[in-house]
Amino acid sequence: MSKSESTWRPDGANGPLLSLYTTFRIGGPCRGLTTCETRAELRRAVEALGEVGEEFVLLGGGSNLLVSDAGVNQQVIRYFSEKPQIARQGNELVVQAATRLDDLASYAVQEGLDGLLCCTGIPGTVGGAIVGNAGAFGEQIGDRVLSVIAMDHHANEREIPGDELAFGYRQSRLQNTDSIVVSVRLRLRLGDRDRLRTRRQEILALRAAKHPDWQHTPTAGSFFKNIEPTSKAERRQAAGWFLEQAGAKALRVGKARPFEKHANIIVAERGCRAVDVLELSRQMAALVKEKFGIELHREVRLLGSWPAGVA
């Protein structure tokens, strides 16, 4: 059952704080928020807002996102489910986009299906992962997509073949539309269940050693995209290496700082503001530009209204 929230706040800001729904735990209020767990609930929420002429923005797991301190002067639909919604059909999986990405990666391993280990330990939902083509170790979820069911802001649905989505490094054609990913069909391959379980545990241990635990440390994960291959390097180069060499770890703005074990991750200490994070990221990118002549591009998405010249 979908849940709507619209509260009055004593500080004069109307609506729920989006900081409660992002892994950065930063963000001002929105006009109202409706959480939908199922495809049917999502459709009803979109239709209901359309009937009253309300625009909305979509939220999933709230990862890979920085919401402004001023918040969002719109309704928010949060498509997120604590319970995985996955069906197996041979070597294919049909997954509702509200499902957590790591729950999907875990399910595939338990079923002895290979192809989604690259999604292990990554926060957020399947829907967000499809839009941003999430992945790791040179692989991404877009490699496995057969098709997606997408919904527009009028609740109309259509099936889009995966080869029409123009998947690239941390991008897809869906980023340039208002389409909502409702569900996805993935084609995997049979694998050795014990080997898959061992590799999953290795990846989780690797992430625990190098990354902050987003469930306890406010962060959005890697802030910048890695560097695309150049004439000097055939492989994509880690943005974190350039940031480390440029001295970015020494920077600090307000309560925002780079993570001590990974220069491409910004963490937010108690009292941190979104503008602190954004200004820190600007300074980090400027160091890399000055030292290496390389332009870094944000992987983290900005949402909301920002002071002039900041975003």
Protein backbone atom coordinates (compact mmCIF):
# COMPACT_ATOMS: atom_id res chain seq x y z
CA MET A 1 0.00 0.00 0.00
CA SER A 2 1.42 3.39 -0.95
CA LYS A 3 2.10 5.87 1.81
CA SER A 4 1.76 9.63 1.47
CA GLU A 5 3.41 12.16 3.72
CA SER A 6 2.72 15.88 3.95
CA THR A 7 3.68 17.49 7.21
CA TRP A 8 4.05 20.99 8.63
CA ARG A 9 7.47 21.75 10.09
CA PRO A 10 8.02 24.25 12.92
CA ASP A 11 10.91 25.89 10.98
CA GLY A 12 8.39 27.03 8.41
CA ALA A 13 9.31 24.48 5.75
CA ASN A 14 6.28 22.58 4.53
CA GLY A 15 6.60 18.92 3.59
CA PRO A 16 8.81 15.97 4.50
CA LEU A 17 12.56 16.45 4.59
CA LEU A 18 14.30 14.58 1.80
CA SER A 19 17.33 14.09 4.05
CA LEU A 20 15.36 11.21 5.53
CA TYR A 21 15.34 9.44 2.17
CA THR A 22 18.89 9.85 0.82
CA THR A 23 22.11 8.04 1.71
CA PHE A 24 23.81 11.44 2.11
CA ARG A 25 21.13 12.31 4.71
CA ILE A 26 21.13 15.81 3.30
CA GLY A 27 18.28 17.70 1.68
CA GLY A 28 15.50 20.16 2.36
CA PRO A 29 11.74 19.63 2.15
CA CYS A 30 9.43 18.73 -0.69
CA ARG A 31 5.76 19.57 -1.12
CA GLY A 32 4.74 16.03 -0.31
CA LEU A 33 6.07 12.49 -0.63
CA THR A 34 4.37 9.25 -1.63
CA THR A 35 6.18 5.93 -1.21
CA CYS A 36 5.13 3.20 -3.65
CA GLU A 37 6.30 -0.40 -3.34
CA THR A 38 4.54 -1.97 -6.30
CA ARG A 39 3.83 -1.24 -9.94
CA ALA A 40 0.12 -0.80 -9.21
CA GLU A 41 0.79 1.69 -6.41
CA LEU A 42 3.13 3.63 -8.66
CA ARG A 43 0.50 3.86 -11.37
CA ARG A 44 -2.13 5.10 -8.91
CA ALA A 45 0.23 7.73 -7.50
CA VAL A 46 1.15 9.05 -10.96
CA GLU A 47 -2.50 9.14 -12.01
CA ALA A 48 -3.56 10.88 -8.79
CA LEU A 49 -0.99 13.64 -9.17
CA GLY A 50 -1.89 14.02 -12.83
CA GLU A 51 -5.56 14.49 -11.96
CA VAL A 52 -4.74 17.52 -9.80
CA GLY A 53 -2.09 18.88 -12.15
CA GLU A 54 0.84 18.32 -9.79
CA GLU A 55 4.33 17.87 -11.22
CA PHE A 56 6.58 15.37 -9.45
CA VAL A 57 10.10 14.04 -9.29
CA LEU A 58 11.02 10.40 -8.79
CA LEU A 59 13.15 9.03 -5.99
CA GLY A 60 14.41 5.47 -5.53
CA GLY A 61 16.86 4.41 -2.87
CA GLY A 62 18.22 7.95 -2.56
CA SER A 63 21.81 6.97 -3.39
CA ASN A 64 24.04 8.73 -5.93
CA LEU A 65 22.05 11.88 -5.17
CA LEU A 66 22.66 15.27 -3.56
CA VAL A 67 19.49 17.18 -2.67
CA SER A 68 19.77 20.93 -2.15
CA ASP A 69 19.31 22.52 1.27
CA ALA A 70 16.32 24.42 -0.12
CA GLY A 71 14.68 21.16 -1.13
CA VAL A 72 12.30 20.57 -4.00
CA ASN A 73 9.20 22.63 -4.67
CA GLN A 74 7.43 19.61 -6.12
CA GLN A 75 5.77 16.40 -5.08
CA VAL A 76 8.07 13.39 -4.78
CA ILE A 77 7.16 9.81 -5.65
CA ARG A 78 9.49 7.33 -3.98
CA TYR A 79 9.49 3.97 -5.77
CA PHE A 80 11.16 1.70 -3.23
CA SER A 81 10.47 -1.70 -1.68
CA GLU A 82 12.09 -3.36 1.31
CA LYS A 83 10.96 -6.71 -0.08
CA PRO A 84 12.65 -7.94 -3.30
CA GLN A 85 10.24 -8.42 -6.20
CA ILE A 86 11.98 -10.85 -8.56
CA ALA A 87 10.71 -13.69 -10.75
CA ARG A 88 12.94 -16.25 -12.48
CA GLN A 89 12.10 -17.53 -15.96
CA GLY A 90 14.87 -19.91 -16.99
CA ASN A 91 18.06 -17.86 -17.24
CA GLU A 92 16.08 -14.62 -17.24
CA LEU A 93 14.97 -12.52 -14.28
CA VAL A 94 12.06 -10.07 -14.26
CA VAL A 95 12.64 -7.50 -11.52
CA GLN A 96 10.49 -4.66 -10.27
CA ALA A 97 12.52 -1.45 -10.30
CA ALA A 98 11.67 -0.68 -6.65
CA THR A 99 13.83 -3.66 -5.58
CA ARG A 100 17.21 -2.94 -3.99
CA LEU A 101 20.08 -3.55 -6.41
CA ASP A 102 22.08 -5.60 -3.93
CA ASP A 103 19.03 -7.76 -3.21
CA LEU A 104 18.93 -8.54 -6.92
CA ALA A 105 22.66 -9.37 -6.98
CA SER A 106 22.21 -11.65 -3.97
CA TYR A 107 19.18 -13.39 -5.48
CA ALA A 108 21.05 -14.13 -8.71
CA VAL A 109 23.89 -15.75 -6.75
CA GLN A 110 21.51 -17.89 -4.72
CA GLU A 111 19.87 -19.03 -7.94
CA GLY A 112 23.23 -19.93 -9.48
CA LEU A 113 22.96 -17.24 -12.15
CA ASP A 114 26.06 -15.32 -13.21
CA GLY A 115 26.22 -11.80 -14.62
CA LEU A 116 25.30 -9.47 -11.76
CA LEU A 117 28.27 -9.79 -9.40
CA CYS A 118 29.27 -6.31 -10.57
CA CYS A 119 26.21 -4.95 -8.72
CA THR A 120 27.18 -6.50 -5.38
CA GLY A 121 27.12 -4.06 -2.49
CA ILE A 122 25.98 -1.08 -4.55
CA PRO A 123 23.21 0.88 -2.78
CA GLY A 124 20.05 2.12 -4.46
CA THR A 125 17.30 0.49 -6.46
CA VAL A 126 17.25 -1.49 -9.67
CA GLY A 127 15.46 1.39 -11.39
CA GLY A 128 18.20 3.87 -10.56
CA ALA A 129 20.84 1.33 -11.54
CA ILE A 130 19.27 0.91 -14.99
CA VAL A 131 19.03 4.65 -15.62
CA GLY A 132 22.65 5.23 -14.55
CA ASN A 133 23.97 1.87 -15.85
CA ALA A 134 25.52 0.96 -12.51
CA GLY A 135 28.31 -1.56 -12.21
CA ALA A 136 31.92 -2.21 -11.25
CA PHE A 137 35.03 -4.13 -12.36
CA GLY A 138 34.49 -3.20 -16.00
CA GLU A 139 30.95 -4.61 -16.14
CA GLN A 140 27.56 -2.94 -15.81
CA ILE A 141 23.94 -3.93 -15.47
CA GLY A 142 23.12 -2.62 -18.94
CA ASP A 143 25.10 -5.56 -20.36
CA ARG A 144 22.31 -7.87 -19.14
CA VAL A 145 19.19 -5.87 -20.02
CA LEU A 146 16.79 -7.46 -22.51
CA SER A 147 14.07 -4.85 -22.05
CA VAL A 148 12.50 -2.44 -19.58
CA ILE A 149 8.92 -1.43 -18.89
CA ALA A 150 8.88 2.37 -18.68
CA MET A 151 6.06 4.65 -17.52
CA ASP A 152 5.64 8.30 -18.51
CA HIS A 153 4.23 11.04 -16.27
CA HIS A 154 0.73 10.27 -17.58
CA ALA A 155 0.96 6.65 -16.36
CA ASN A 156 1.28 5.27 -19.90
CA GLU A 157 3.57 2.23 -20.11
CA ARG A 158 5.66 0.81 -22.93
CA GLU A 159 8.30 -1.87 -23.31
CA ILE A 160 11.69 -0.69 -24.59
CA PRO A 161 14.27 -3.19 -25.91
CA GLY A 162 17.61 -2.96 -24.16
CA ASP A 163 19.48 -2.25 -27.39
CA GLU A 164 17.48 0.98 -27.78
CA LEU A 165 18.63 2.37 -24.43
CA ALA A 166 22.14 3.37 -25.60
CA PHE A 167 23.89 2.13 -22.48
CA GLY A 168 27.32 3.63 -21.89
CA TYR A 169 29.61 4.23 -18.95
CA ARG A 170 27.27 5.39 -16.17
CA GLN A 171 24.68 6.53 -18.64
CA SER A 172 21.68 5.52 -20.70
CA ARG A 173 19.14 7.17 -22.96
CA LEU A 174 16.70 7.12 -20.02
CA GLN A 175 18.64 9.96 -18.37
CA ASN A 176 17.36 12.35 -21.02
CA THR A 177 13.68 11.49 -20.63
CA ASP A 178 11.04 11.68 -17.92
CA SER A 179 10.46 7.92 -18.17
CA ILE A 180 10.11 5.93 -14.96
CA VAL A 181 11.62 2.45 -15.03
CA VAL A 182 8.89 0.17 -13.70
CA SER A 183 10.51 -3.23 -14.24
CA VAL A 184 13.36 -4.82 -16.16
CA ARG A 185 14.01 -8.18 -17.83
CA LEU A 186 17.60 -9.42 -17.55
CA ARG A 187 19.32 -12.31 -19.31
CA LEU A 188 21.97 -14.06 -17.21
CA ARG A 189 23.95 -17.27 -17.60
CA LEU A 190 24.24 -20.38 -15.47
CA GLY A 191 27.17 -20.37 -13.07
CA ASP A 192 28.64 -22.37 -10.26
CA ARG A 193 26.72 -21.39 -7.14
CA ASP A 194 29.61 -21.97 -4.72
CA ARG A 195 32.02 -19.95 -6.85
CA LEU A 196 29.48 -17.13 -7.16
CA ARG A 197 28.94 -17.06 -3.38
CA THR A 198 32.69 -16.94 -2.75
CA ARG A 199 33.19 -14.12 -5.24
CA ARG A 200 30.27 -12.15 -3.78
CA GLN A 201 31.81 -12.36 -0.30
CA GLU A 202 35.16 -11.23 -1.71
CA ILE A 203 33.55 -8.19 -3.32
CA LEU A 204 31.67 -7.30 -0.14
CA ALA A 205 34.92 -7.54 1.85
CA LEU A 206 36.72 -5.38 -0.71
CA ARG A 207 34.03 -2.72 -0.50
CA ALA A 208 34.07 -2.81 3.30
CA ALA A 209 37.83 -2.23 3.29
CA LYS A 210 37.79 0.74 0.89
CA HIS A 211 34.35 2.32 1.11
CA PRO A 212 32.37 3.80 4.02
CA ASP A 213 29.31 1.89 5.14
CA TRP A 214 26.58 4.09 3.68
CA GLN A 215 24.08 2.75 6.23
CA HIS A 216 26.09 4.39 9.02
CA THR A 217 28.20 7.05 7.28
CA PRO A 218 26.33 9.64 5.19
CA THR A 219 27.68 9.48 1.63
CA ALA A 220 26.58 9.08 -1.97
CA GLY A 221 29.50 6.86 -2.97
CA SER A 222 31.88 7.81 -5.78
CA PHE A 223 31.28 11.47 -6.54
CA PHE A 224 33.01 11.71 -9.92
CA LYS A 225 32.97 9.42 -12.92
CA ASN A 226 36.19 7.63 -13.74
CA ILE A 227 38.30 8.99 -16.59
CA GLU A 228 37.52 7.69 -20.06
CA PRO A 229 40.33 5.87 -21.92
CA THR A 230 42.86 8.13 -23.65
CA SER A 231 45.60 7.60 -26.21
CA LYS A 232 47.92 6.89 -23.29
CA ALA A 233 45.67 4.46 -21.47
CA GLU A 234 43.46 1.81 -23.02
CA ARG A 235 41.51 1.27 -19.81
CA ARG A 236 39.31 3.66 -17.87
CA GLN A 237 41.33 5.42 -15.16
CA ALA A 238 40.14 5.82 -11.57
CA ALA A 239 39.20 9.39 -10.67
CA GLY A 240 40.23 8.59 -7.09
CA TRP A 241 43.88 8.19 -8.13
CA PHE A 242 43.99 11.64 -9.71
CA LEU A 243 42.25 13.17 -6.69
CA GLU A 244 44.69 11.46 -4.32
CA GLN A 245 47.72 12.65 -6.29
CA ALA A 246 46.32 16.18 -6.47
CA GLY A 247 46.00 16.35 -2.68
CA ALA A 248 42.21 16.39 -2.52
CA LYS A 249 42.10 14.43 0.73
CA ALA A 250 43.42 17.48 2.58
CA LEU A 251 40.40 19.59 1.59
CA ARG A 252 37.45 20.29 3.84
CA VAL A 253 34.43 22.57 3.46
CA GLY A 254 32.19 22.99 6.46
CA LYS A 255 31.25 19.50 7.60
CA ALA A 256 32.03 17.86 4.25
CA ARG A 257 35.29 15.99 3.69
CA PRO A 258 36.78 13.30 1.43
CA PHE A 259 36.73 9.80 2.89
CA GLU A 260 40.13 8.92 4.36
CA LYS A 261 40.35 5.62 2.45
CA HIS A 262 39.02 6.78 -0.92
CA ALA A 263 39.59 10.26 -2.39
CA ASN A 264 36.61 10.02 -4.76
CA ILE A 265 34.10 9.62 -1.94
CA ILE A 266 32.72 12.57 0.04
CA VAL A 267 31.26 11.98 3.48
CA ALA A 268 29.00 14.30 5.40
CA GLU A 269 29.56 14.84 9.09
CA ARG A 270 26.78 15.92 11.42
CA GLY A 271 25.52 19.37 10.45
CA CYS A 272 26.78 19.16 6.88
CA ARG A 273 24.94 21.18 4.23
CA ALA A 274 24.46 20.31 0.59
CA VAL A 275 26.30 23.48 -0.44
CA ASP A 276 29.31 22.29 1.62
CA VAL A 277 29.42 19.07 -0.39
CA LEU A 278 29.02 20.84 -3.71
CA GLU A 279 31.71 23.42 -2.95
CA LEU A 280 34.08 20.70 -1.76
CA SER A 281 33.51 18.77 -4.99
CA ARG A 282 34.24 21.95 -6.98
CA GLN A 283 37.53 22.43 -5.16
CA MET A 284 38.46 18.77 -5.61
CA ALA A 285 37.82 18.93 -9.35
CA ALA A 286 39.80 22.20 -9.58
CA LEU A 287 42.87 20.53 -8.04
CA VAL A 288 42.78 17.74 -10.62
CA LYS A 289 42.27 20.24 -13.43
CA GLU A 290 45.24 22.30 -12.25
CA LYS A 291 47.62 19.35 -11.76
CA PHE A 292 46.64 17.07 -14.65
CA GLY A 293 44.58 19.20 -17.04
CA ILE A 294 41.73 16.69 -16.67
CA GLU A 295 38.09 17.70 -16.30
CA LEU A 296 36.19 15.57 -13.78
CA HIS A 297 32.47 15.00 -14.28
CA ARG A 298 30.00 14.34 -11.50
CA GLU A 299 28.49 10.90 -11.14
CA VAL A 300 26.29 12.11 -8.29
CA ARG A 301 23.06 13.74 -9.50
CA LEU A 302 21.91 17.13 -8.17
CA LEU A 303 18.27 17.65 -7.24
CA GLY A 304 16.46 20.77 -6.11
CA SER A 305 17.06 24.52 -6.26
CA TRP A 306 20.55 25.90 -5.68
CA PRO A 307 22.00 29.38 -5.08
CA ALA A 308 22.91 31.17 -8.30
CA GLY A 309 26.25 30.06 -9.67
CA VAL A 310 26.67 27.13 -7.24
CA ALA A 311 25.44 24.16 -9.29
